[in-house]
């Protein structure tokens, strides 16, 4: 399992055959395949919110371009 791809994350990643995949961190198979990045982001965000996981959106080159937290954030910020 690659660093940063634990089961507490969902990722939107480019598919080598075209389109975009939503993957749970550490999974061998995609949870869903979509023609557009927007469709993958919308579904991936929904899945991440339901599971309470981190959500990572990758660019076409595979690098993480955006990250959202839908789980337990360990930071305590005093206001």
PDB file of N, CA and C in Angstrom:
ATOM      1  N   UNK A   1       0.843  -1.171   0.000  1.00  0.00           N
ATOM      2  CA  UNK A   1       0.000   0.000   0.000  1.00  0.00           C
ATOM      3  C   UNK A   1       0.884   1.228   0.000  1.00  0.00           C
ATOM      4  N   UNK A   2       0.600   2.169  -0.890  1.00  0.00           N
ATOM      5  CA  UNK A   2       1.400   3.378  -1.004  1.00  0.00           C
ATOM      6  C   UNK A   2       1.103   4.325   0.146  1.00  0.00           C
ATOM      7  N   UNK A   3       2.099   5.101   0.518  1.00  0.00           N
ATOM      8  CA  UNK A   3       1.928   6.074   1.580  1.00  0.00           C
ATOM      9  C   UNK A   3       0.836   7.059   1.183  1.00  0.00           C
ATOM     10  N   UNK A   4      -0.050   7.394   2.120  1.00  0.00           N
ATOM     11  CA  UNK A   4      -1.127   8.328   1.842  1.00  0.00           C
ATOM     12  C   UNK A   4      -2.345   7.683   1.211  1.00  0.00           C
ATOM     13  N   UNK A   5      -2.323   6.383   1.005  1.00  0.00           N
ATOM     14  CA  UNK A   5      -3.483   5.713   0.404  1.00  0.00           C
ATOM     15  C   UNK A   5      -4.044   4.662   1.349  1.00  0.00           C
ATOM     16  N   UNK A   6      -4.173   5.009   2.606  1.00  0.00           N
ATOM     17  CA  UNK A   6      -4.742   4.085   3.577  1.00  0.00           C
ATOM     18  C   UNK A   6      -6.236   3.964   3.397  1.00  0.00           C
ATOM     19  N   UNK A   7      -6.830   3.019   4.112  1.00  0.00           N
ATOM     20  CA  UNK A   7      -8.255   2.763   3.951  1.00  0.00           C
ATOM     21  C   UNK A   7      -9.107   3.916   4.469  1.00  0.00           C
ATOM     22  N   UNK A   8      -8.508   4.869   5.153  1.00  0.00           N
ATOM     23  CA  UNK A   8      -9.241   6.032   5.648  1.00  0.00           C
ATOM     24  C   UNK A   8      -9.293   7.153   4.633  1.00  0.00           C
ATOM     25  N   UNK A   9      -9.093   6.824   3.349  1.00  0.00           N
ATOM     26  CA  UNK A   9      -9.135   7.843   2.304  1.00  0.00           C
ATOM     27  C   UNK A   9      -9.913   7.347   1.089  1.00  0.00           C
ATOM     28  N   UNK A  10     -10.443   8.289   0.351  1.00  0.00           N
ATOM     29  CA  UNK A  10     -10.997   8.045  -0.977  1.00  0.00           C
ATOM     30  C   UNK A  10     -10.225   8.940  -1.933  1.00  0.00           C
ATOM     31  N   UNK A  11      -9.942   8.425  -3.129  1.00  0.00           N
ATOM     32  CA  UNK A  11      -9.153   9.153  -4.111  1.00  0.00           C
ATOM     33  C   UNK A  11      -9.876   9.218  -5.442  1.00  0.00           C
ATOM     34  N   UNK A  12      -9.791  10.373  -6.098  1.00  0.00           N
ATOM     35  CA  UNK A  12     -10.193  10.505  -7.498  1.00  0.00           C
ATOM     36  C   UNK A  12      -8.891  10.510  -8.284  1.00  0.00           C
ATOM     37  N   UNK A  13      -8.727   9.506  -9.155  1.00  0.00           N
ATOM     38  CA  UNK A  13      -7.473   9.337  -9.891  1.00  0.00           C
ATOM     39  C   UNK A  13      -7.748   9.138 -11.380  1.00  0.00           C
ATOM     40  N   UNK A  14      -6.809   9.583 -12.231  1.00  0.00           N
ATOM     41  CA  UNK A  14      -6.995   9.337 -13.664  1.00  0.00           C
ATOM     42  C   UNK A  14      -6.850   7.847 -13.976  1.00  0.00           C
ATOM     43  N   UNK A  15      -7.658   7.358 -14.905  1.00  0.00           N
ATOM     44  CA  UNK A  15      -7.579   5.968 -15.334  1.00  0.00           C
ATOM     45  C   UNK A  15      -6.710   5.903 -16.579  1.00  0.00           C
ATOM     46  N   UNK A  16      -5.798   4.969 -16.637  1.00  0.00           N
ATOM     47  CA  UNK A  16      -4.871   4.869 -17.768  1.00  0.00           C
ATOM     48  C   UNK A  16      -5.595   4.617 -19.093  1.00  0.00           C
ATOM     49  N   UNK A  17      -6.795   4.073 -19.038  1.00  0.00           N
ATOM     50  CA  UNK A  17      -7.570   3.813 -20.243  1.00  0.00           C
ATOM     51  C   UNK A  17      -8.488   4.963 -20.625  1.00  0.00           C
ATOM     52  N   UNK A  18      -8.427   6.038 -19.854  1.00  0.00           N
ATOM     53  CA  UNK A  18      -9.298   7.189 -20.078  1.00  0.00           C
ATOM     54  C   UNK A  18     -10.323   7.315 -18.973  1.00  0.00           C
ATOM     55  N   UNK A  19     -10.777   8.512 -18.738  1.00  0.00           N
ATOM     56  CA  UNK A  19     -11.750   8.767 -17.683  1.00  0.00           C
ATOM     57  C   UNK A  19     -11.095   8.856 -16.315  1.00  0.00           C
ATOM     58  N   UNK A  20     -11.927   8.772 -15.296  1.00  0.00           N
ATOM     59  CA  UNK A  20     -11.483   8.951 -13.909  1.00  0.00           C
ATOM     60  C   UNK A  20     -12.092   7.875 -13.027  1.00  0.00           C
ATOM     61  N   UNK A  21     -11.319   7.455 -12.018  1.00  0.00           N
ATOM     62  CA  UNK A  21     -11.779   6.444 -11.074  1.00  0.00           C
ATOM     63  C   UNK A  21     -11.887   7.021  -9.674  1.00  0.00           C
ATOM     64  N   UNK A  22     -12.810   6.482  -8.901  1.00  0.00           N
ATOM     65  CA  UNK A  22     -12.872   6.739  -7.463  1.00  0.00           C
ATOM     66  C   UNK A  22     -12.388   5.460  -6.804  1.00  0.00           C
ATOM     67  N   UNK A  23     -11.368   5.578  -5.946  1.00  0.00           N
ATOM     68  CA  UNK A  23     -10.791   4.417  -5.276  1.00  0.00           C
ATOM     69  C   UNK A  23     -10.715   4.654  -3.773  1.00  0.00           C
ATOM     70  N   UNK A  24     -11.003   3.624  -3.036  1.00  0.00           N
ATOM     71  CA  UNK A  24     -10.770   3.639  -1.602  1.00  0.00           C
ATOM     72  C   UNK A  24      -9.287   3.361  -1.406  1.00  0.00           C
ATOM     73  N   UNK A  25      -8.642   4.052  -0.509  1.00  0.00           N
ATOM     74  CA  UNK A  25      -7.219   3.858  -0.281  1.00  0.00           C
ATOM     75  C   UNK A  25      -6.891   2.407   0.015  1.00  0.00           C
ATOM     76  N   UNK A  26      -5.894   1.863  -0.697  1.00  0.00           N
ATOM     77  CA  UNK A  26      -5.463   0.493  -0.500  1.00  0.00           C
ATOM     78  C   UNK A  26      -6.247  -0.540  -1.282  1.00  0.00           C
ATOM     79  N   UNK A  27      -7.309  -0.111  -1.983  1.00  0.00           N
ATOM     80  CA  UNK A  27      -8.138  -1.064  -2.739  1.00  0.00           C
ATOM     81  C   UNK A  27      -7.473  -1.418  -4.065  1.00  0.00           C
ATOM     82  N   UNK A  28      -7.688  -2.652  -4.503  1.00  0.00           N
ATOM     83  CA  UNK A  28      -7.163  -3.109  -5.787  1.00  0.00           C
ATOM     84  C   UNK A  28      -8.025  -2.642  -6.959  1.00  0.00           C
ATOM     85  N   UNK A  29      -9.314  -2.480  -6.711  1.00  0.00           N
ATOM     86  CA  UNK A  29     -10.241  -2.097  -7.774  1.00  0.00           C
ATOM     87  C   UNK A  29     -10.878  -0.751  -7.456  1.00  0.00           C
ATOM     88  N   UNK A  30     -11.313  -0.075  -8.511  1.00  0.00           N
ATOM     89  CA  UNK A  30     -12.004   1.200  -8.352  1.00  0.00           C
ATOM     90  C   UNK A  30     -13.412   0.979  -7.814  1.00  0.00           C
ATOM     91  N   UNK A  31     -13.889   1.910  -7.025  1.00  0.00           N
ATOM     92  CA  UNK A  31     -15.271   1.877  -6.549  1.00  0.00           C
ATOM     93  C   UNK A  31     -16.217   2.366  -7.628  1.00  0.00           C
ATOM     94  N   UNK A  32     -15.691   3.159  -8.553  1.00  0.00           N
ATOM     95  CA  UNK A  32     -16.498   3.658  -9.656  1.00  0.00           C
ATOM     96  C   UNK A  32     -15.616   4.245 -10.742  1.00  0.00           C
ATOM     97  N   UNK A  33     -16.099   4.197 -11.987  1.00  0.00           N
ATOM     98  CA  UNK A  33     -15.387   4.771 -13.124  1.00  0.00           C
ATOM     99  C   UNK A  33     -16.304   5.780 -13.800  1.00  0.00           C
ATOM    100  N   UNK A  34     -15.742   6.944 -14.173  1.00  0.00           N
ATOM    101  CA  UNK A  34     -16.537   8.031 -14.726  1.00  0.00           C
ATOM    102  C   UNK A  34     -15.841   8.633 -15.933  1.00  0.00           C
ATOM    103  N   UNK A  35     -16.630   9.146 -16.855  1.00  0.00           N
ATOM    104  CA  UNK A  35     -16.076   9.763 -18.058  1.00  0.00           C
ATOM    105  C   UNK A  35     -15.409  11.097 -17.753  1.00  0.00           C
ATOM    106  N   UNK A  36     -15.962  11.853 -16.791  1.00  0.00           N
ATOM    107  CA  UNK A  36     -15.413  13.172 -16.492  1.00  0.00           C
ATOM    108  C   UNK A  36     -14.905  13.239 -15.053  1.00  0.00           C
ATOM    109  N   UNK A  37     -13.968  14.124 -14.840  1.00  0.00           N
ATOM    110  CA  UNK A  37     -13.421  14.330 -13.495  1.00  0.00           C
ATOM    111  C   UNK A  37     -14.510  14.876 -12.568  1.00  0.00           C
ATOM    112  N   UNK A  38     -15.364  15.761 -13.087  1.00  0.00           N
ATOM    113  CA  UNK A  38     -16.435  16.355 -12.275  1.00  0.00           C
ATOM    114  C   UNK A  38     -17.368  15.276 -11.717  1.00  0.00           C
ATOM    115  N   UNK A  39     -17.748  14.318 -12.566  1.00  0.00           N
ATOM    116  CA  UNK A  39     -18.621  13.225 -12.118  1.00  0.00           C
ATOM    117  C   UNK A  39     -17.928  12.403 -11.025  1.00  0.00           C
ATOM    118  N   UNK A  40     -16.644  12.122 -11.218  1.00  0.00           N
ATOM    119  CA  UNK A  40     -15.888  11.344 -10.236  1.00  0.00           C
ATOM    120  C   UNK A  40     -15.768  12.098  -8.916  1.00  0.00           C
ATOM    121  N   UNK A  41     -15.530  13.400  -8.992  1.00  0.00           N
ATOM    122  CA  UNK A  41     -15.417  14.210  -7.772  1.00  0.00           C
ATOM    123  C   UNK A  41     -16.735  14.219  -7.012  1.00  0.00           C
ATOM    124  N   UNK A  42     -17.831  14.430  -7.722  1.00  0.00           N
ATOM    125  CA  UNK A  42     -19.140  14.480  -7.056  1.00  0.00           C
ATOM    126  C   UNK A  42     -19.447  13.161  -6.343  1.00  0.00           C
ATOM    127  N   UNK A  43     -19.228  12.041  -7.017  1.00  0.00           N
ATOM    128  CA  UNK A  43     -19.509  10.732  -6.411  1.00  0.00           C
ATOM    129  C   UNK A  43     -18.505  10.413  -5.310  1.00  0.00           C
ATOM    130  N   UNK A  44     -17.236  10.718  -5.551  1.00  0.00           N
ATOM    131  CA  UNK A  44     -16.206  10.455  -4.547  1.00  0.00           C
ATOM    132  C   UNK A  44     -16.424  11.250  -3.273  1.00  0.00           C
ATOM    133  N   UNK A  45     -16.828  12.505  -3.422  1.00  0.00           N
ATOM    134  CA  UNK A  45     -17.094  13.344  -2.246  1.00  0.00           C
ATOM    135  C   UNK A  45     -18.263  12.774  -1.441  1.00  0.00           C
ATOM    136  N   UNK A  46     -19.290  12.331  -2.129  1.00  0.00           N
ATOM    137  CA  UNK A  46     -20.443  11.715  -1.462  1.00  0.00           C
ATOM    138  C   UNK A  46     -20.008  10.463  -0.695  1.00  0.00           C
ATOM    139  N   UNK A  47     -19.211   9.616  -1.338  1.00  0.00           N
ATOM    140  CA  UNK A  47     -18.734   8.390  -0.693  1.00  0.00           C
ATOM    141  C   UNK A  47     -17.859   8.718   0.514  1.00  0.00           C
ATOM    142  N   UNK A  48     -17.002   9.714   0.381  1.00  0.00           N
ATOM    143  CA  UNK A  48     -16.109  10.107   1.461  1.00  0.00           C
ATOM    144  C   UNK A  48     -16.888  10.657   2.662  1.00  0.00           C
ATOM    145  N   UNK A  49     -17.888  11.470   2.382  1.00  0.00           N
ATOM    146  CA  UNK A  49     -18.724  12.009   3.473  1.00  0.00           C
ATOM    147  C   UNK A  49     -19.445  10.884   4.206  1.00  0.00           C
ATOM    148  N   UNK A  50     -20.005   9.942   3.449  1.00  0.00           N
ATOM    149  CA  UNK A  50     -20.735   8.830   4.058  1.00  0.00           C
ATOM    150  C   UNK A  50     -19.823   7.952   4.905  1.00  0.00           C
ATOM    151  N   UNK A  51     -18.570   7.789   4.470  1.00  0.00           N
ATOM    152  CA  UNK A  51     -17.629   6.924   5.191  1.00  0.00           C
ATOM    153  C   UNK A  51     -16.807   7.679   6.230  1.00  0.00           C
ATOM    154  N   UNK A  52     -16.871   9.021   6.215  1.00  0.00           N
ATOM    155  CA  UNK A  52     -16.087   9.818   7.161  1.00  0.00           C
ATOM    156  C   UNK A  52     -14.592   9.706   6.914  1.00  0.00           C
ATOM    157  N   UNK A  53     -14.184   9.783   5.643  1.00  0.00           N
ATOM    158  CA  UNK A  53     -12.772   9.619   5.288  1.00  0.00           C
ATOM    159  C   UNK A  53     -12.182  10.908   4.726  1.00  0.00           C
ATOM    160  N   UNK A  54     -10.869  10.903   4.559  1.00  0.00           N
ATOM    161  CA  UNK A  54     -10.185  11.968   3.840  1.00  0.00           C
ATOM    162  C   UNK A  54     -10.516  11.803   2.357  1.00  0.00           C
ATOM    163  N   UNK A  55     -10.526  12.895   1.614  1.00  0.00           N
ATOM    164  CA  UNK A  55     -10.855  12.855   0.193  1.00  0.00           C
ATOM    165  C   UNK A  55      -9.750  13.559  -0.578  1.00  0.00           C
ATOM    166  N   UNK A  56      -9.087  12.826  -1.467  1.00  0.00           N
ATOM    167  CA  UNK A  56      -7.950  13.345  -2.233  1.00  0.00           C
ATOM    168  C   UNK A  56      -8.308  13.371  -3.715  1.00  0.00           C
ATOM    169  N   UNK A  57      -8.153  14.529  -4.335  1.00  0.00           N
ATOM    170  CA  UNK A  57      -8.435  14.680  -5.764  1.00  0.00           C
ATOM    171  C   UNK A  57      -7.101  14.857  -6.473  1.00  0.00           C
ATOM    172  N   UNK A  58      -6.791  13.921  -7.359  1.00  0.00           N
ATOM    173  CA  UNK A  58      -5.522  13.927  -8.069  1.00  0.00           C
ATOM    174  C   UNK A  58      -5.658  14.658  -9.405  1.00  0.00           C
ATOM    175  N   UNK A  59      -4.553  15.247  -9.868  1.00  0.00           N
ATOM    176  CA  UNK A  59      -4.487  15.866 -11.191  1.00  0.00           C
ATOM    177  C   UNK A  59      -4.214  14.783 -12.225  1.00  0.00           C
ATOM    178  N   UNK A  60      -4.224  15.156 -13.488  1.00  0.00           N
ATOM    179  CA  UNK A  60      -3.978  14.220 -14.581  1.00  0.00           C
ATOM    180  C   UNK A  60      -2.612  13.533 -14.431  1.00  0.00           C
ATOM    181  N   UNK A  61      -1.622  14.238 -13.853  1.00  0.00           N
ATOM    182  CA  UNK A  61      -0.284  13.655 -13.683  1.00  0.00           C
ATOM    183  C   UNK A  61      -0.187  12.738 -12.464  1.00  0.00           C
ATOM    184  N   UNK A  62      -1.284  12.571 -11.724  1.00  0.00           N
ATOM    185  CA  UNK A  62      -1.311  11.679 -10.572  1.00  0.00           C
ATOM    186  C   UNK A  62      -1.022  12.349  -9.244  1.00  0.00           C
ATOM    187  N   UNK A  63      -0.551  13.582  -9.261  1.00  0.00           N
ATOM    188  CA  UNK A  63      -0.262  14.301  -8.014  1.00  0.00           C
ATOM    189  C   UNK A  63      -1.561  14.795  -7.369  1.00  0.00           C
ATOM    190  N   UNK A  64      -1.567  14.872  -6.057  1.00  0.00           N
ATOM    191  CA  UNK A  64      -2.743  15.361  -5.336  1.00  0.00           C
ATOM    192  C   UNK A  64      -2.864  16.858  -5.566  1.00  0.00           C
ATOM    193  N   UNK A  65      -4.014  17.267  -6.078  1.00  0.00           N
ATOM    194  CA  UNK A  65      -4.260  18.672  -6.353  1.00  0.00           C
ATOM    195  C   UNK A  65      -5.134  19.329  -5.303  1.00  0.00           C
ATOM    196  N   UNK A  66      -5.974  18.524  -4.640  1.00  0.00           N
ATOM    197  CA  UNK A  66      -6.893  19.055  -3.638  1.00  0.00           C
ATOM    198  C   UNK A  66      -7.189  17.970  -2.616  1.00  0.00           C
ATOM    199  N   UNK A  67      -7.424  18.386  -1.385  1.00  0.00           N
ATOM    200  CA  UNK A  67      -7.706  17.427  -0.318  1.00  0.00           C
ATOM    201  C   UNK A  67      -8.776  17.991   0.600  1.00  0.00           C
ATOM    202  N   UNK A  68      -9.737  17.159   0.974  1.00  0.00           N
ATOM    203  CA  UNK A  68     -10.795  17.547   1.910  1.00  0.00           C
ATOM    204  C   UNK A  68     -10.859  16.512   3.027  1.00  0.00           C
ATOM    205  N   UNK A  69     -11.263  16.959   4.197  1.00  0.00           N
ATOM    206  CA  UNK A  69     -11.416  16.047   5.323  1.00  0.00           C
ATOM    207  C   UNK A  69     -12.892  15.900   5.652  1.00  0.00           C
ATOM    208  N   UNK A  70     -13.391  14.658   5.605  1.00  0.00           N
ATOM    209  CA  UNK A  70     -14.771  14.381   5.980  1.00  0.00           C
ATOM    210  C   UNK A  70     -14.827  13.450   7.177  1.00  0.00           C
ATOM    211  N   UNK A  71     -13.689  13.287   7.827  1.00  0.00           N
ATOM    212  CA  UNK A  71     -13.623  12.386   8.968  1.00  0.00           C
ATOM    213  C   UNK A  71     -13.285  13.139  10.230  1.00  0.00           C
ATOM    214  N   UNK A  72     -12.730  12.414  11.167  1.00  0.00           N
ATOM    215  CA  UNK A  72     -12.324  13.022  12.422  1.00  0.00           C
ATOM    216  C   UNK A  72     -11.025  13.778  12.215  1.00  0.00           C
ATOM    217  N   UNK A  73     -11.072  15.079  12.330  1.00  0.00           N
ATOM    218  CA  UNK A  73      -9.889  15.910  12.180  1.00  0.00           C
ATOM    219  C   UNK A  73      -9.182  15.968  13.528  1.00  0.00           C
ATOM    220  N   UNK A  74      -7.949  15.471  13.617  1.00  0.00           N
ATOM    221  CA  UNK A  74      -7.269  15.413  14.895  1.00  0.00           C
ATOM    222  C   UNK A  74      -6.835  16.776  15.423  1.00  0.00           C
ATOM    223  N   UNK A  75      -6.883  17.806  14.584  1.00  0.00           N
ATOM    224  CA  UNK A  75      -6.462  19.135  15.043  1.00  0.00           C
ATOM    225  C   UNK A  75      -7.526  19.732  15.950  1.00  0.00           C
ATOM    226  N   UNK A  76      -7.069  20.426  16.958  1.00  0.00           N
ATOM    227  CA  UNK A  76      -7.988  21.164  17.819  1.00  0.00           C
ATOM    228  C   UNK A  76      -7.639  22.639  17.675  1.00  0.00           C
ATOM    229  N   UNK A  77      -8.548  23.371  17.091  1.00  0.00           N
ATOM    230  CA  UNK A  77      -8.331  24.796  16.854  1.00  0.00           C
ATOM    231  C   UNK A  77      -9.175  25.582  17.837  1.00  0.00           C
ATOM    232  N   UNK A  78      -8.511  26.416  18.607  1.00  0.00           N
ATOM    233  CA  UNK A  78      -9.231  27.245  19.575  1.00  0.00           C
ATOM    234  C   UNK A  78      -9.591  28.555  18.923  1.00  0.00           C
ATOM    235  N   UNK A  79     -10.823  28.965  19.120  1.00  0.00           N
ATOM    236  CA  UNK A  79     -11.310  30.188  18.485  1.00  0.00           C
ATOM    237  C   UNK A  79     -11.343  31.283  19.384  1.00  0.00           C
TER     238      UNK A  79
END
